[in-house]
Amino acid sequence: KLKYAKTYEAILSTPLEIEDIALGEVAWSMIRGAIYSGLFVLVM
């Protein structure tokens, strides 16, 4: 998104700010990890 898609440049043209991008992307990555681990908890 940073080097090729230029997604964050487009996002910054909206009222969202750098802090929103950082928090949102960290939250999304955590959610994906939570889904992986949640499925594994079921296996356990």
PDB file of all heavy atoms in Angstrom:
ATOM      1  N   LYS A   1       0.827  -1.212   0.000  1.00  0.00           N
ATOM      2  CA  LYS A   1       0.000   0.000   0.000  1.00  0.00           C
ATOM      3  C   LYS A   1       0.857   1.256   0.000  1.00  0.00           C
ATOM      4  O   LYS A   1       0.486   2.274  -0.593  1.00  0.00           O
ATOM      5  CB  LYS A   1      -0.913   0.001   1.228  1.00  0.00           C
ATOM      6  CG  LYS A   1      -1.942  -1.105   1.249  1.00  0.00           C
ATOM      7  CD  LYS A   1      -2.663  -1.127   2.583  1.00  0.00           C
ATOM      8  CE  LYS A   1      -3.513  -2.379   2.744  1.00  0.00           C
ATOM      9  NZ  LYS A   1      -4.090  -2.475   4.101  1.00  0.00           N
ATOM     10  N   LEU A   2       1.997   1.187   0.661  1.00  0.00           N
ATOM     11  CA  LEU A   2       2.856   2.354   0.793  1.00  0.00           C
ATOM     12  C   LEU A   2       3.672   2.620  -0.464  1.00  0.00           C
ATOM     13  O   LEU A   2       3.773   3.769  -0.919  1.00  0.00           O
ATOM     14  CB  LEU A   2       3.790   2.149   1.995  1.00  0.00           C
ATOM     15  CG  LEU A   2       4.635   3.332   2.456  1.00  0.00           C
ATOM     16  CD1 LEU A   2       3.758   4.468   2.927  1.00  0.00           C
ATOM     17  CD2 LEU A   2       5.568   2.894   3.583  1.00  0.00           C
ATOM     18  N   LYS A   3       4.248   1.578  -1.054  1.00  0.00           N
ATOM     19  CA  LYS A   3       5.194   1.758  -2.150  1.00  0.00           C
ATOM     20  C   LYS A   3       4.557   1.660  -3.538  1.00  0.00           C
ATOM     21  O   LYS A   3       5.044   2.296  -4.479  1.00  0.00           O
ATOM     22  CB  LYS A   3       6.303   0.712  -2.039  1.00  0.00           C
ATOM     23  CG  LYS A   3       7.131   0.811  -0.766  1.00  0.00           C
ATOM     24  CD  LYS A   3       7.983   2.052  -0.734  1.00  0.00           C
ATOM     25  CE  LYS A   3       8.900   2.053   0.496  1.00  0.00           C
ATOM     26  NZ  LYS A   3       9.757   3.268   0.543  1.00  0.00           N
ATOM     27  N   TYR A   4       3.498   0.866  -3.686  1.00  0.00           N
ATOM     28  CA  TYR A   4       2.969   0.583  -5.018  1.00  0.00           C
ATOM     29  C   TYR A   4       1.539   1.082  -5.204  1.00  0.00           C
ATOM     30  O   TYR A   4       1.254   1.791  -6.168  1.00  0.00           O
ATOM     31  CB  TYR A   4       3.045  -0.920  -5.303  1.00  0.00           C
ATOM     32  CG  TYR A   4       4.462  -1.425  -5.397  1.00  0.00           C
ATOM     33  CD1 TYR A   4       5.103  -1.972  -4.287  1.00  0.00           C
ATOM     34  CD2 TYR A   4       5.167  -1.331  -6.582  1.00  0.00           C
ATOM     35  CE1 TYR A   4       6.417  -2.421  -4.358  1.00  0.00           C
ATOM     36  CE2 TYR A   4       6.485  -1.779  -6.678  1.00  0.00           C
ATOM     37  CZ  TYR A   4       7.106  -2.324  -5.559  1.00  0.00           C
ATOM     38  OH  TYR A   4       8.408  -2.749  -5.638  1.00  0.00           O
ATOM     39  N   ALA A   5       0.638   0.698  -4.339  1.00  0.00           N
ATOM     40  CA  ALA A   5      -0.762   1.089  -4.509  1.00  0.00           C
ATOM     41  C   ALA A   5      -1.014   2.557  -4.170  1.00  0.00           C
ATOM     42  O   ALA A   5      -2.026   3.116  -4.592  1.00  0.00           O
ATOM     43  CB  ALA A   5      -1.668   0.208  -3.652  1.00  0.00           C
ATOM     44  N   LYS A   6      -0.115   3.163  -3.391  1.00  0.00           N
ATOM     45  CA  LYS A   6      -0.269   4.562  -2.961  1.00  0.00           C
ATOM     46  C   LYS A   6      -1.602   4.779  -2.239  1.00  0.00           C
ATOM     47  O   LYS A   6      -2.257   5.817  -2.376  1.00  0.00           O
ATOM     48  CB  LYS A   6      -0.153   5.514  -4.155  1.00  0.00           C
ATOM     49  CG  LYS A   6       1.140   5.373  -4.956  1.00  0.00           C
ATOM     50  CD  LYS A   6       2.362   5.665  -4.110  1.00  0.00           C
ATOM     51  CE  LYS A   6       3.648   5.532  -4.927  1.00  0.00           C
ATOM     52  NZ  LYS A   6       4.864   5.774  -4.111  1.00  0.00           N
ATOM     53  N   THR A   7      -1.990   3.765  -1.482  1.00  0.00           N
ATOM     54  CA  THR A   7      -3.270   3.823  -0.782  1.00  0.00           C
ATOM     55  C   THR A   7      -3.306   4.928   0.254  1.00  0.00           C
ATOM     56  O   THR A   7      -4.311   5.633   0.407  1.00  0.00           O
ATOM     57  CB  THR A   7      -3.547   2.470  -0.096  1.00  0.00           C
ATOM     58  OG1 THR A   7      -3.501   1.432  -1.076  1.00  0.00           O
ATOM     59  CG2 THR A   7      -4.895   2.467   0.598  1.00  0.00           C
ATOM     60  N   TYR A   8      -2.205   5.119   0.952  1.00  0.00           N
ATOM     61  CA  TYR A   8      -2.218   6.080   2.054  1.00  0.00           C
ATOM     62  C   TYR A   8      -2.247   7.519   1.570  1.00  0.00           C
ATOM     63  O   TYR A   8      -2.799   8.391   2.254  1.00  0.00           O
ATOM     64  CB  TYR A   8      -1.011   5.839   2.958  1.00  0.00           C
ATOM     65  CG  TYR A   8      -0.997   4.449   3.553  1.00  0.00           C
ATOM     66  CD1 TYR A   8       0.157   3.686   3.581  1.00  0.00           C
ATOM     67  CD2 TYR A   8      -2.164   3.890   4.061  1.00  0.00           C
ATOM     68  CE1 TYR A   8       0.158   2.408   4.105  1.00  0.00           C
ATOM     69  CE2 TYR A   8      -2.177   2.612   4.584  1.00  0.00           C
ATOM     70  CZ  TYR A   8      -1.011   1.874   4.606  1.00  0.00           C
ATOM     71  OH  TYR A   8      -1.017   0.608   5.120  1.00  0.00           O
ATOM     72  N   GLU A   9      -1.674   7.793   0.390  1.00  0.00           N
ATOM     73  CA  GLU A   9      -1.803   9.140  -0.173  1.00  0.00           C
ATOM     74  C   GLU A   9      -3.262   9.464  -0.449  1.00  0.00           C
ATOM     75  O   GLU A   9      -3.731  10.579  -0.189  1.00  0.00           O
ATOM     76  CB  GLU A   9      -0.983   9.265  -1.453  1.00  0.00           C
ATOM     77  CG  GLU A   9       0.508   9.398  -1.246  1.00  0.00           C
ATOM     78  CD  GLU A   9       1.209   8.059  -1.140  1.00  0.00           C
ATOM     79  OE1 GLU A   9       0.514   7.034  -0.896  1.00  0.00           O
ATOM     80  OE2 GLU A   9       2.438   8.020  -1.277  1.00  0.00           O
ATOM     81  N   ALA A  10      -4.004   8.475  -0.956  1.00  0.00           N
ATOM     82  CA  ALA A  10      -5.435   8.684  -1.208  1.00  0.00           C
ATOM     83  C   ALA A  10      -6.191   8.883   0.101  1.00  0.00           C
ATOM     84  O   ALA A  10      -7.088   9.731   0.189  1.00  0.00           O
ATOM     85  CB  ALA A  10      -6.007   7.505  -1.985  1.00  0.00           C
ATOM     86  N   ILE A  11      -5.832   8.116   1.125  1.00  0.00           N
ATOM     87  CA  ILE A  11      -6.519   8.242   2.415  1.00  0.00           C
ATOM     88  C   ILE A  11      -6.283   9.617   3.025  1.00  0.00           C
ATOM     89  O   ILE A  11      -7.184  10.223   3.612  1.00  0.00           O
ATOM     90  CB  ILE A  11      -6.046   7.126   3.367  1.00  0.00           C
ATOM     91  CG1 ILE A  11      -6.570   5.767   2.886  1.00  0.00           C
ATOM     92  CG2 ILE A  11      -6.514   7.391   4.803  1.00  0.00           C
ATOM     93  CD1 ILE A  11      -6.053   4.593   3.682  1.00  0.00           C
ATOM     94  N   LEU A  12      -5.082  10.141   2.868  1.00  0.00           N
ATOM     95  CA  LEU A  12      -4.757  11.443   3.454  1.00  0.00           C
ATOM     96  C   LEU A  12      -5.455  12.598   2.747  1.00  0.00           C
ATOM     97  O   LEU A  12      -5.438  13.726   3.250  1.00  0.00           O
ATOM     98  CB  LEU A  12      -3.244  11.666   3.446  1.00  0.00           C
ATOM     99  CG  LEU A  12      -2.453  10.802   4.419  1.00  0.00           C
ATOM    100  CD1 LEU A  12      -0.957  11.042   4.255  1.00  0.00           C
ATOM    101  CD2 LEU A  12      -2.874  11.080   5.861  1.00  0.00           C
ATOM    102  N   SER A  13      -6.060  12.338   1.582  1.00  0.00           N
ATOM    103  CA  SER A  13      -6.850  13.377   0.924  1.00  0.00           C
ATOM    104  C   SER A  13      -8.235  13.513   1.551  1.00  0.00           C
ATOM    105  O   SER A  13      -8.992  14.416   1.204  1.00  0.00           O
ATOM    106  CB  SER A  13      -6.990  13.069  -0.574  1.00  0.00           C
ATOM    107  OG  SER A  13      -7.745  11.887  -0.783  1.00  0.00           O
ATOM    108  N   THR A  14      -8.570  12.613   2.470  1.00  0.00           N
ATOM    109  CA  THR A  14      -9.806  12.677   3.252  1.00  0.00           C
ATOM    110  C   THR A  14      -9.472  13.282   4.618  1.00  0.00           C
ATOM    111  O   THR A  14      -8.313  13.579   4.910  1.00  0.00           O
ATOM    112  CB  THR A  14     -10.401  11.267   3.422  1.00  0.00           C
ATOM    113  OG1 THR A  14      -9.582  10.519   4.332  1.00  0.00           O
ATOM    114  CG2 THR A  14     -10.457  10.538   2.090  1.00  0.00           C
ATOM    115  N   PRO A  15     -10.466  13.462   5.480  1.00  0.00           N
ATOM    116  CA  PRO A  15     -10.162  14.004   6.810  1.00  0.00           C
ATOM    117  C   PRO A  15      -9.321  13.094   7.701  1.00  0.00           C
ATOM    118  O   PRO A  15      -8.926  13.504   8.798  1.00  0.00           O
ATOM    119  CB  PRO A  15     -11.557  14.213   7.430  1.00  0.00           C
ATOM    120  CG  PRO A  15     -12.471  14.363   6.269  1.00  0.00           C
ATOM    121  CD  PRO A  15     -11.914  13.457   5.219  1.00  0.00           C
ATOM    122  N   LEU A  16      -9.037  11.868   7.286  1.00  0.00           N
ATOM    123  CA  LEU A  16      -8.226  10.978   8.110  1.00  0.00           C
ATOM    124  C   LEU A  16      -6.776  11.460   8.155  1.00  0.00           C
ATOM    125  O   LEU A  16      -6.290  12.091   7.210  1.00  0.00           O
ATOM    126  CB  LEU A  16      -8.274   9.547   7.592  1.00  0.00           C
ATOM    127  CG  LEU A  16      -9.428   8.677   8.138  1.00  0.00           C
ATOM    128  CD1 LEU A  16     -10.760   9.193   7.642  1.00  0.00           C
ATOM    129  CD2 LEU A  16      -9.250   7.220   7.737  1.00  0.00           C
ATOM    130  N   GLU A  17      -6.082  11.143   9.240  1.00  0.00           N
ATOM    131  CA  GLU A  17      -4.720  11.601   9.455  1.00  0.00           C
ATOM    132  C   GLU A  17      -3.780  10.408   9.617  1.00  0.00           C
ATOM    133  O   GLU A  17      -4.210   9.251   9.616  1.00  0.00           O
ATOM    134  CB  GLU A  17      -4.669  12.497  10.701  1.00  0.00           C
ATOM    135  CG  GLU A  17      -5.567  13.725  10.611  1.00  0.00           C
ATOM    136  CD  GLU A  17      -5.607  14.508  11.909  1.00  0.00           C
ATOM    137  OE1 GLU A  17      -5.017  14.042  12.912  1.00  0.00           O
ATOM    138  OE2 GLU A  17      -6.245  15.581  11.939  1.00  0.00           O
ATOM    139  N   ILE A  18      -2.487  10.722   9.753  1.00  0.00           N
ATOM    140  CA  ILE A  18      -1.471   9.679   9.896  1.00  0.00           C
ATOM    141  C   ILE A  18      -1.786   8.772  11.075  1.00  0.00           C
ATOM    142  O   ILE A  18      -1.652   7.542  11.001  1.00  0.00           O
ATOM    143  CB  ILE A  18      -0.077  10.312  10.071  1.00  0.00           C
ATOM    144  CG1 ILE A  18       0.378  10.955   8.759  1.00  0.00           C
ATOM    145  CG2 ILE A  18       0.939   9.268  10.526  1.00  0.00           C
ATOM    146  CD1 ILE A  18       0.698   9.985   7.656  1.00  0.00           C
ATOM    147  N   GLU A  19      -2.184   9.360  12.192  1.00  0.00           N
ATOM    148  CA  GLU A  19      -2.476   8.571  13.387  1.00  0.00           C
ATOM    149  C   GLU A  19      -3.617   7.592  13.143  1.00  0.00           C
ATOM    150  O   GLU A  19      -3.611   6.474  13.677  1.00  0.00           O
ATOM    151  CB  GLU A  19      -2.816   9.495  14.566  1.00  0.00           C
ATOM    152  CG  GLU A  19      -1.655  10.299  15.105  1.00  0.00           C
ATOM    153  CD  GLU A  19      -1.276  11.473  14.224  1.00  0.00           C
ATOM    154  OE1 GLU A  19      -2.044  11.775  13.267  1.00  0.00           O
ATOM    155  OE2 GLU A  19      -0.223  12.086  14.466  1.00  0.00           O
ATOM    156  N   ASP A  20      -4.603   8.001  12.345  1.00  0.00           N
ATOM    157  CA  ASP A  20      -5.718   7.110  12.031  1.00  0.00           C
ATOM    158  C   ASP A  20      -5.248   5.924  11.195  1.00  0.00           C
ATOM    159  O   ASP A  20      -5.685   4.790  11.407  1.00  0.00           O
ATOM    160  CB  ASP A  20      -6.797   7.878  11.272  1.00  0.00           C
ATOM    161  CG  ASP A  20      -7.270   9.107  12.021  1.00  0.00           C
ATOM    162  OD1 ASP A  20      -7.454   9.005  13.244  1.00  0.00           O
ATOM    163  OD2 ASP A  20      -7.453  10.155  11.392  1.00  0.00           O
ATOM    164  N   ILE A  21      -4.335   6.190  10.242  1.00  0.00           N
ATOM    165  CA  ILE A  21      -3.794   5.107   9.421  1.00  0.00           C
ATOM    166  C   ILE A  21      -3.030   4.120  10.284  1.00  0.00           C
ATOM    167  O   ILE A  21      -3.204   2.898  10.169  1.00  0.00           O
ATOM    168  CB  ILE A  21      -2.883   5.681   8.318  1.00  0.00           C
ATOM    169  CG1 ILE A  21      -3.698   6.521   7.336  1.00  0.00           C
ATOM    170  CG2 ILE A  21      -2.156   4.561   7.583  1.00  0.00           C
ATOM    171  CD1 ILE A  21      -2.865   7.230   6.297  1.00  0.00           C
ATOM    172  N   ALA A  22      -2.156   4.641  11.167  1.00  0.00           N
ATOM    173  CA  ALA A  22      -1.352   3.762  12.017  1.00  0.00           C
ATOM    174  C   ALA A  22      -2.238   2.903  12.915  1.00  0.00           C
ATOM    175  O   ALA A  22      -2.069   1.672  12.992  1.00  0.00           O
ATOM    176  CB  ALA A  22      -0.382   4.596  12.850  1.00  0.00           C
ATOM    177  N   LEU A  23      -3.195   3.533  13.590  1.00  0.00           N
ATOM    178  CA  LEU A  23      -4.071   2.777  14.490  1.00  0.00           C
ATOM    179  C   LEU A  23      -4.934   1.785  13.723  1.00  0.00           C
ATOM    180  O   LEU A  23      -5.121   0.640  14.147  1.00  0.00           O
ATOM    181  CB  LEU A  23      -4.959   3.751  15.265  1.00  0.00           C
ATOM    182  CG  LEU A  23      -4.313   4.517  16.416  1.00  0.00           C
ATOM    183  CD1 LEU A  23      -5.290   5.547  16.969  1.00  0.00           C
ATOM    184  CD2 LEU A  23      -3.856   3.574  17.514  1.00  0.00           C
ATOM    185  N   GLY A  24      -5.473   2.213  12.582  1.00  0.00           N
ATOM    186  CA  GLY A  24      -6.348   1.350  11.819  1.00  0.00           C
ATOM    187  C   GLY A  24      -5.630   0.131  11.263  1.00  0.00           C
ATOM    188  O   GLY A  24      -6.159  -0.982  11.317  1.00  0.00           O
ATOM    189  N   GLU A  25      -4.421   0.323  10.744  1.00  0.00           N
ATOM    190  CA  GLU A  25      -3.686  -0.805  10.175  1.00  0.00           C
ATOM    191  C   GLU A  25      -3.214  -1.770  11.266  1.00  0.00           C
ATOM    192  O   GLU A  25      -3.232  -2.991  11.078  1.00  0.00           O
ATOM    193  CB  GLU A  25      -2.486  -0.293   9.362  1.00  0.00           C
ATOM    194  CG  GLU A  25      -2.877   0.414   8.073  1.00  0.00           C
ATOM    195  CD  GLU A  25      -3.446  -0.517   7.025  1.00  0.00           C
ATOM    196  OE1 GLU A  25      -3.675  -1.706   7.302  1.00  0.00           O
ATOM    197  OE2 GLU A  25      -3.668  -0.059   5.894  1.00  0.00           O
ATOM    198  N   VAL A  26      -2.781  -1.238  12.395  1.00  0.00           N
ATOM    199  CA  VAL A  26      -2.400  -2.117  13.503  1.00  0.00           C
ATOM    200  C   VAL A  26      -3.609  -2.898  14.003  1.00  0.00           C
ATOM    201  O   VAL A  26      -3.525  -4.101  14.272  1.00  0.00           O
ATOM    202  CB  VAL A  26      -1.756  -1.305  14.644  1.00  0.00           C
ATOM    203  CG1 VAL A  26      -1.639  -2.146  15.913  1.00  0.00           C
ATOM    204  CG2 VAL A  26      -0.370  -0.815  14.240  1.00  0.00           C
ATOM    205  N   ALA A  27      -4.749  -2.217  14.107  1.00  0.00           N
ATOM    206  CA  ALA A  27      -5.967  -2.896  14.560  1.00  0.00           C
ATOM    207  C   ALA A  27      -6.373  -3.989  13.580  1.00  0.00           C
ATOM    208  O   ALA A  27      -6.759  -5.099  13.991  1.00  0.00           O
ATOM    209  CB  ALA A  27      -7.097  -1.887  14.719  1.00  0.00           C
ATOM    210  N   TRP A  28      -6.281  -3.704  12.288  1.00  0.00           N
ATOM    211  CA  TRP A  28      -6.658  -4.709  11.296  1.00  0.00           C
ATOM    212  C   TRP A  28      -5.724  -5.920  11.354  1.00  0.00           C
ATOM    213  O   TRP A  28      -6.176  -7.062  11.296  1.00  0.00           O
ATOM    214  CB  TRP A  28      -6.631  -4.103   9.902  1.00  0.00           C
ATOM    215  CG  TRP A  28      -6.725  -5.120   8.814  1.00  0.00           C
ATOM    216  CD1 TRP A  28      -5.763  -5.473   7.916  1.00  0.00           C
ATOM    217  CD2 TRP A  28      -7.850  -5.959   8.530  1.00  0.00           C
ATOM    218  NE1 TRP A  28      -6.211  -6.465   7.084  1.00  0.00           N
ATOM    219  CE2 TRP A  28      -7.497  -6.782   7.440  1.00  0.00           C
ATOM    220  CE3 TRP A  28      -9.114  -6.092   9.078  1.00  0.00           C
ATOM    221  CZ2 TRP A  28      -8.360  -7.723   6.895  1.00  0.00           C
ATOM    222  CZ3 TRP A  28      -9.979  -7.036   8.545  1.00  0.00           C
ATOM    223  CH2 TRP A  28      -9.608  -7.838   7.472  1.00  0.00           C
ATOM    224  N   SER A  29      -4.421  -5.684  11.469  1.00  0.00           N
ATOM    225  CA  SER A  29      -3.471  -6.793  11.562  1.00  0.00           C
ATOM    226  C   SER A  29      -3.729  -7.616  12.820  1.00  0.00           C
ATOM    227  O   SER A  29      -3.631  -8.849  12.801  1.00  0.00           O
ATOM    228  CB  SER A  29      -2.038  -6.269  11.551  1.00  0.00           C
ATOM    229  OG  SER A  29      -1.751  -5.607  10.332  1.00  0.00           O
ATOM    230  N   MET A  30      -4.064  -6.932  13.923  1.00  0.00           N
ATOM    231  CA  MET A  30      -4.378  -7.653  15.152  1.00  0.00           C
ATOM    232  C   MET A  30      -5.644  -8.498  14.978  1.00  0.00           C
ATOM    233  O   MET A  30      -5.725  -9.630  15.465  1.00  0.00           O
ATOM    234  CB  MET A  30      -4.559  -6.673  16.310  1.00  0.00           C
ATOM    235  CG  MET A  30      -4.747  -7.366  17.654  1.00  0.00           C
ATOM    236  SD  MET A  30      -5.398  -6.281  18.935  1.00  0.00           S
ATOM    237  CE  MET A  30      -7.094  -6.117  18.405  1.00  0.00           C
ATOM    238  N   ILE A  31      -6.630  -7.960  14.267  1.00  0.00           N
ATOM    239  CA  ILE A  31      -7.867  -8.703  14.032  1.00  0.00           C
ATOM    240  C   ILE A  31      -7.585  -9.967  13.235  1.00  0.00           C
ATOM    241  O   ILE A  31      -8.107 -11.048  13.532  1.00  0.00           O
ATOM    242  CB  ILE A  31      -8.902  -7.816  13.311  1.00  0.00           C
ATOM    243  CG1 ILE A  31      -9.414  -6.740  14.264  1.00  0.00           C
ATOM    244  CG2 ILE A  31     -10.062  -8.651  12.776  1.00  0.00           C
ATOM    245  CD1 ILE A  31     -10.270  -5.691  13.592  1.00  0.00           C
ATOM    246  N   ARG A  32      -6.719  -9.850  12.211  1.00  0.00           N
ATOM    247  CA  ARG A  32      -6.385 -11.039  11.432  1.00  0.00           C
ATOM    248  C   ARG A  32      -5.678 -12.068  12.309  1.00  0.00           C
ATOM    249  O   ARG A  32      -5.974 -13.269  12.239  1.00  0.00           O
ATOM    250  CB  ARG A  32      -5.504 -10.664  10.247  1.00  0.00           C
ATOM    251  CG  ARG A  32      -5.170 -11.861   9.364  1.00  0.00           C
ATOM    252  CD  ARG A  32      -4.666 -11.445   8.010  1.00  0.00           C
ATOM    253  NE  ARG A  32      -4.464 -12.602   7.153  1.00  0.00           N
ATOM    254  CZ  ARG A  32      -4.223 -12.541   5.856  1.00  0.00           C
ATOM    255  NH1 ARG A  32      -4.174 -11.363   5.258  1.00  0.00           N
ATOM    256  NH2 ARG A  32      -4.046 -13.634   5.139  1.00  0.00           N
ATOM    257  N   GLY A  33      -4.730 -11.625  13.132  1.00  0.00           N
ATOM    258  CA  GLY A  33      -4.080 -12.543  14.053  1.00  0.00           C
ATOM    259  C   GLY A  33      -5.058 -13.149  15.044  1.00  0.00           C
ATOM    260  O   GLY A  33      -4.937 -14.323  15.416  1.00  0.00           O
ATOM    261  N   ALA A  34      -6.049 -12.358  15.472  1.00  0.00           N
ATOM    262  CA  ALA A  34      -7.053 -12.867  16.405  1.00  0.00           C
ATOM    263  C   ALA A  34      -7.919 -13.941  15.760  1.00  0.00           C
ATOM    264  O   ALA A  34      -8.309 -14.921  16.410  1.00  0.00           O
ATOM    265  CB  ALA A  34      -7.927 -11.723  16.909  1.00  0.00           C
ATOM    266  N   ILE A  35      -8.228 -13.787  14.465  1.00  0.00           N
ATOM    267  CA  ILE A  35      -9.021 -14.802  13.767  1.00  0.00           C
ATOM    268  C   ILE A  35      -8.217 -16.087  13.628  1.00  0.00           C
ATOM    269  O   ILE A  35      -8.726 -17.193  13.877  1.00  0.00           O
ATOM    270  CB  ILE A  35      -9.469 -14.271  12.395  1.00  0.00           C
ATOM    271  CG1 ILE A  35     -10.472 -13.124  12.580  1.00  0.00           C
ATOM    272  CG2 ILE A  35     -10.074 -15.385  11.546  1.00  0.00           C
ATOM    273  CD1 ILE A  35     -10.856 -12.428  11.300  1.00  0.00           C
ATOM    274  N   TYR A  36      -6.946 -15.967  13.236  1.00  0.00           N
ATOM    275  CA  TYR A  36      -6.093 -17.150  13.140  1.00  0.00           C
ATOM    276  C   TYR A  36      -6.038 -17.881  14.478  1.00  0.00           C
ATOM    277  O   TYR A  36      -6.208 -19.100  14.547  1.00  0.00           O
ATOM    278  CB  TYR A  36      -4.683 -16.738  12.731  1.00  0.00           C
ATOM    279  CG  TYR A  36      -4.460 -16.550  11.257  1.00  0.00           C
ATOM    280  CD1 TYR A  36      -5.446 -15.990  10.449  1.00  0.00           C
ATOM    281  CD2 TYR A  36      -3.269 -16.909  10.654  1.00  0.00           C
ATOM    282  CE1 TYR A  36      -5.250 -15.800   9.100  1.00  0.00           C
ATOM    283  CE2 TYR A  36      -3.053 -16.724   9.293  1.00  0.00           C
ATOM    284  CZ  TYR A  36      -4.046 -16.163   8.527  1.00  0.00           C
ATOM    285  OH  TYR A  36      -3.832 -15.982   7.192  1.00  0.00           O
ATOM    286  N   SER A  37      -5.745 -17.122  15.535  1.00  0.00           N
ATOM    287  CA  SER A  37      -5.592 -17.750  16.854  1.00  0.00           C
ATOM    288  C   SER A  37      -6.919 -18.267  17.379  1.00  0.00           C
ATOM    289  O   SER A  37      -6.965 -19.299  18.060  1.00  0.00           O
ATOM    290  CB  SER A  37      -4.973 -16.756  17.845  1.00  0.00           C
ATOM    291  OG  SER A  37      -5.741 -15.567  17.938  1.00  0.00           O
ATOM    292  N   GLY A  38      -8.026 -17.571  17.071  1.00  0.00           N
ATOM    293  CA  GLY A  38      -9.331 -18.042  17.521  1.00  0.00           C
ATOM    294  C   GLY A  38      -9.695 -19.388  16.920  1.00  0.00           C
ATOM    295  O   GLY A  38     -10.209 -20.278  17.613  1.00  0.00           O
ATOM    296  N   LEU A  39      -9.408 -19.559  15.630  1.00  0.00           N
ATOM    297  CA  LEU A  39      -9.648 -20.854  14.991  1.00  0.00           C
ATOM    298  C   LEU A  39      -8.763 -21.930  15.593  1.00  0.00           C
ATOM    299  O   LEU A  39      -9.184 -23.081  15.770  1.00  0.00           O
ATOM    300  CB  LEU A  39      -9.405 -20.738  13.483  1.00  0.00           C
ATOM    301  CG  LEU A  39     -10.382 -19.845  12.710  1.00  0.00           C
ATOM    302  CD1 LEU A  39      -9.931 -19.688  11.265  1.00  0.00           C
ATOM    303  CD2 LEU A  39     -11.797 -20.410  12.772  1.00  0.00           C
ATOM    304  N   PHE A  40      -7.533 -21.557  15.938  1.00  0.00           N
ATOM    305  CA  PHE A  40      -6.622 -22.539  16.523  1.00  0.00           C
ATOM    306  C   PHE A  40      -7.050 -22.918  17.942  1.00  0.00           C
ATOM    307  O   PHE A  40      -6.852 -24.068  18.361  1.00  0.00           O
ATOM    308  CB  PHE A  40      -5.195 -21.990  16.536  1.00  0.00           C
ATOM    309  CG  PHE A  40      -4.156 -23.041  16.789  1.00  0.00           C
ATOM    310  CD1 PHE A  40      -3.714 -23.859  15.765  1.00  0.00           C
ATOM    311  CD2 PHE A  40      -3.625 -23.228  18.054  1.00  0.00           C
ATOM    312  CE1 PHE A  40      -2.761 -24.832  15.988  1.00  0.00           C
ATOM    313  CE2 PHE A  40      -2.674 -24.197  18.291  1.00  0.00           C
ATOM    314  CZ  PHE A  40      -2.234 -25.006  17.256  1.00  0.00           C
ATOM    315  N   VAL A  41      -7.625 -21.968  18.674  1.00  0.00           N
ATOM    316  CA  VAL A  41      -8.149 -22.282  20.010  1.00  0.00           C
ATOM    317  C   VAL A  41      -9.240 -23.345  19.900  1.00  0.00           C
ATOM    318  O   VAL A  41      -9.334 -24.248  20.743  1.00  0.00           O
ATOM    319  CB  VAL A  41      -8.677 -21.007  20.698  1.00  0.00           C
ATOM    320  CG1 VAL A  41      -9.488 -21.367  21.943  1.00  0.00           C
ATOM    321  CG2 VAL A  41      -7.520 -20.098  21.089  1.00  0.00           C
ATOM    322  N   LEU A  42     -10.069 -23.264  18.867  1.00  0.00           N
ATOM    323  CA  LEU A  42     -11.096 -24.294  18.660  1.00  0.00           C
ATOM    324  C   LEU A  42     -10.460 -25.661  18.426  1.00  0.00           C
ATOM    325  O   LEU A  42     -10.937 -26.679  18.948  1.00  0.00           O
ATOM    326  CB  LEU A  42     -11.977 -23.918  17.470  1.00  0.00           C
ATOM    327  CG  LEU A  42     -12.889 -22.708  17.651  1.00  0.00           C
ATOM    328  CD1 LEU A  42     -13.666 -22.438  16.368  1.00  0.00           C
ATOM    329  CD2 LEU A  42     -13.856 -22.913  18.814  1.00  0.00           C
ATOM    330  N   VAL A  43      -9.371 -25.686  17.650  1.00  0.00           N
ATOM    331  CA  VAL A  43      -8.667 -26.945  17.427  1.00  0.00           C
ATOM    332  C   VAL A  43      -8.128 -27.490  18.743  1.00  0.00           C
ATOM    333  O   VAL A  43      -8.233 -28.691  19.035  1.00  0.00           O
ATOM    334  CB  VAL A  43      -7.530 -26.748  16.407  1.00  0.00           C
ATOM    335  CG1 VAL A  43      -6.700 -28.025  16.259  1.00  0.00           C
ATOM    336  CG2 VAL A  43      -8.092 -26.337  15.053  1.00  0.00           C
ATOM    337  N   MET A  44      -7.542 -26.604  19.562  1.00  0.00           N
ATOM    338  CA  MET A  44      -7.012 -27.021  20.868  1.00  0.00           C
ATOM    339  C   MET A  44      -8.125 -27.562  21.760  1.00  0.00           C
ATOM    340  O   MET A  44      -7.947 -28.570  22.449  1.00  0.00           O
ATOM    341  CB  MET A  44      -6.303 -25.849  21.549  1.00  0.00           C
ATOM    342  CG  MET A  44      -5.009 -25.420  20.896  1.00  0.00           C
ATOM    343  SD  MET A  44      -4.308 -23.941  21.685  1.00  0.00           S
ATOM    344  CE  MET A  44      -4.055 -24.521  23.374  1.00  0.00           C
TER     345      MET A  44
END
